Amino acid sequence: MKEAFPAAEVQLIDSSGGVFEVTMNGVLIFSKQALKRHADPGEVVRLAREARG
């Protein structure tokens, strides 16, 4: 994420139970728990770009 968005503030928040969620500007853009799968390679960056508009 930092490579794709160098000016972004990226924060990893520890969790448990296999939760992996990515938010951007307070909006959920990926949830492993909701989708019941891991993100594909490059998927989170693509979703972040789409969310940015």
N, C-alpha and C. Protein backbone atom coordinates (compact mmCIF):
# COMPACT_ATOMS: atom_id res chain seq x y z
N MET A 1 0.83 -1.19 0.00
CA MET A 1 0.00 0.00 0.00
C MET A 1 0.87 1.26 0.00
N LYS A 2 1.93 1.26 0.80
CA LYS A 2 2.78 2.44 0.87
C LYS A 2 3.46 2.69 -0.47
N GLU A 3 3.77 1.64 -1.21
CA GLU A 3 4.39 1.81 -2.52
C GLU A 3 3.39 2.42 -3.51
N ALA A 4 2.16 1.96 -3.48
CA ALA A 4 1.14 2.46 -4.39
C ALA A 4 0.64 3.85 -4.00
N PHE A 5 0.62 4.13 -2.70
CA PHE A 5 0.10 5.39 -2.17
C PHE A 5 1.11 5.95 -1.16
N PRO A 6 2.23 6.52 -1.62
CA PRO A 6 3.29 6.95 -0.71
C PRO A 6 2.86 7.97 0.34
N ALA A 7 1.88 8.80 0.03
CA ALA A 7 1.46 9.84 0.97
C ALA A 7 0.40 9.34 1.95
N ALA A 8 -0.06 8.11 1.78
CA ALA A 8 -1.13 7.58 2.62
C ALA A 8 -0.62 7.24 4.02
N GLU A 9 -1.50 7.40 4.99
CA GLU A 9 -1.20 6.95 6.34
C GLU A 9 -1.74 5.52 6.44
N VAL A 10 -0.82 4.57 6.58
CA VAL A 10 -1.19 3.16 6.63
C VAL A 10 -0.97 2.66 8.04
N GLN A 11 -1.95 1.95 8.58
CA GLN A 11 -1.85 1.47 9.95
C GLN A 11 -2.33 0.02 10.01
N LEU A 12 -1.53 -0.82 10.64
CA LEU A 12 -1.90 -2.21 10.87
C LEU A 12 -2.44 -2.32 12.28
N ILE A 13 -3.66 -2.81 12.40
CA ILE A 13 -4.28 -2.97 13.71
C ILE A 13 -4.40 -4.46 14.00
N ASP A 14 -3.73 -4.90 15.06
CA ASP A 14 -3.77 -6.31 15.43
C ASP A 14 -5.20 -6.76 15.71
N SER A 15 -5.47 -7.99 15.35
CA SER A 15 -6.77 -8.58 15.57
C SER A 15 -6.58 -10.07 15.77
N SER A 16 -7.66 -10.80 15.84
CA SER A 16 -7.57 -12.25 15.97
C SER A 16 -8.69 -12.88 15.17
N GLY A 17 -8.65 -14.17 15.04
CA GLY A 17 -9.71 -14.89 14.36
C GLY A 17 -9.67 -14.80 12.85
N GLY A 18 -8.52 -14.41 12.29
CA GLY A 18 -8.39 -14.36 10.84
C GLY A 18 -9.03 -13.14 10.20
N VAL A 19 -9.32 -12.12 10.99
CA VAL A 19 -9.94 -10.91 10.46
C VAL A 19 -8.89 -10.12 9.67
N PHE A 20 -9.23 -9.72 8.45
CA PHE A 20 -8.39 -8.87 7.62
C PHE A 20 -9.32 -7.90 6.92
N GLU A 21 -9.33 -6.67 7.37
CA GLU A 21 -10.18 -5.65 6.79
C GLU A 21 -9.35 -4.43 6.43
N VAL A 22 -9.70 -3.82 5.32
CA VAL A 22 -8.99 -2.63 4.87
C VAL A 22 -10.01 -1.52 4.71
N THR A 23 -9.74 -0.39 5.36
CA THR A 23 -10.58 0.79 5.20
C THR A 23 -9.77 1.91 4.58
N MET A 24 -10.47 2.78 3.90
CA MET A 24 -9.83 3.96 3.32
C MET A 24 -10.74 5.14 3.58
N ASN A 25 -10.21 6.13 4.28
CA ASN A 25 -11.00 7.30 4.67
C ASN A 25 -12.27 6.89 5.40
N GLY A 26 -12.15 5.88 6.25
CA GLY A 26 -13.26 5.43 7.06
C GLY A 26 -14.25 4.52 6.35
N VAL A 27 -13.98 4.17 5.08
CA VAL A 27 -14.87 3.32 4.30
C VAL A 27 -14.23 1.95 4.12
N LEU A 28 -14.96 0.91 4.43
CA LEU A 28 -14.47 -0.45 4.27
C LEU A 28 -14.37 -0.78 2.78
N ILE A 29 -13.15 -1.15 2.33
CA ILE A 29 -12.99 -1.49 0.91
C ILE A 29 -12.70 -2.97 0.70
N PHE A 30 -12.26 -3.68 1.75
CA PHE A 30 -12.08 -5.13 1.65
C PHE A 30 -12.29 -5.75 3.01
N SER A 31 -13.01 -6.86 3.05
CA SER A 31 -13.24 -7.60 4.28
C SER A 31 -13.12 -9.09 4.00
N LYS A 32 -12.07 -9.71 4.53
CA LYS A 32 -11.91 -11.16 4.39
C LYS A 32 -13.07 -11.87 5.06
N GLN A 33 -13.51 -11.35 6.19
CA GLN A 33 -14.60 -11.98 6.93
C GLN A 33 -15.89 -11.96 6.12
N ALA A 34 -16.20 -10.84 5.48
CA ALA A 34 -17.44 -10.74 4.70
C ALA A 34 -17.39 -11.58 3.44
N LEU A 35 -16.21 -11.61 2.79
CA LEU A 35 -16.07 -12.33 1.51
C LEU A 35 -15.70 -13.80 1.69
N LYS A 36 -15.27 -14.15 2.91
CA LYS A 36 -14.87 -15.54 3.22
C LYS A 36 -13.71 -16.02 2.35
N ARG A 37 -12.77 -15.08 2.05
CA ARG A 37 -11.60 -15.43 1.25
C ARG A 37 -10.51 -14.38 1.47
N HIS A 38 -9.29 -14.78 1.12
CA HIS A 38 -8.17 -13.83 1.15
C HIS A 38 -8.25 -12.93 -0.07
N ALA A 39 -7.60 -11.79 0.01
CA ALA A 39 -7.51 -10.90 -1.14
C ALA A 39 -6.60 -11.51 -2.19
N ASP A 40 -6.96 -11.35 -3.44
CA ASP A 40 -6.09 -11.78 -4.53
C ASP A 40 -4.91 -10.81 -4.62
N PRO A 41 -3.78 -11.24 -5.20
CA PRO A 41 -2.64 -10.34 -5.35
C PRO A 41 -3.05 -9.06 -6.09
N GLY A 42 -2.76 -7.92 -5.51
CA GLY A 42 -3.06 -6.64 -6.10
C GLY A 42 -4.50 -6.16 -5.91
N GLU A 43 -5.35 -7.00 -5.35
CA GLU A 43 -6.77 -6.66 -5.22
C GLU A 43 -7.00 -5.46 -4.30
N VAL A 44 -6.32 -5.42 -3.17
CA VAL A 44 -6.54 -4.33 -2.22
C VAL A 44 -6.09 -3.00 -2.82
N VAL A 45 -4.97 -3.00 -3.51
CA VAL A 45 -4.50 -1.76 -4.16
C VAL A 45 -5.49 -1.34 -5.24
N ARG A 46 -5.99 -2.28 -6.02
CA ARG A 46 -6.97 -1.96 -7.07
C ARG A 46 -8.24 -1.36 -6.45
N LEU A 47 -8.72 -1.97 -5.38
CA LEU A 47 -9.92 -1.46 -4.71
C LEU A 47 -9.69 -0.06 -4.13
N ALA A 48 -8.49 0.17 -3.61
CA ALA A 48 -8.17 1.49 -3.06
C ALA A 48 -8.17 2.53 -4.17
N ARG A 49 -7.60 2.18 -5.31
CA ARG A 49 -7.60 3.11 -6.45
C ARG A 49 -9.02 3.39 -6.92
N GLU A 50 -9.85 2.37 -6.98
CA GLU A 50 -11.25 2.56 -7.40
C GLU A 50 -12.00 3.43 -6.40
N ALA A 51 -11.74 3.24 -5.12
CA ALA A 51 -12.43 4.02 -4.08
C ALA A 51 -12.01 5.48 -4.11
N ARG A 52 -10.78 5.70 -4.54
CA ARG A 52 -10.25 7.06 -4.62
C ARG A 52 -10.90 7.85 -5.76
N GLY A 53 -11.32 7.13 -6.78
CA GLY A 53 -12.00 7.76 -7.90
C GLY A 53 -11.11 8.22 -8.93
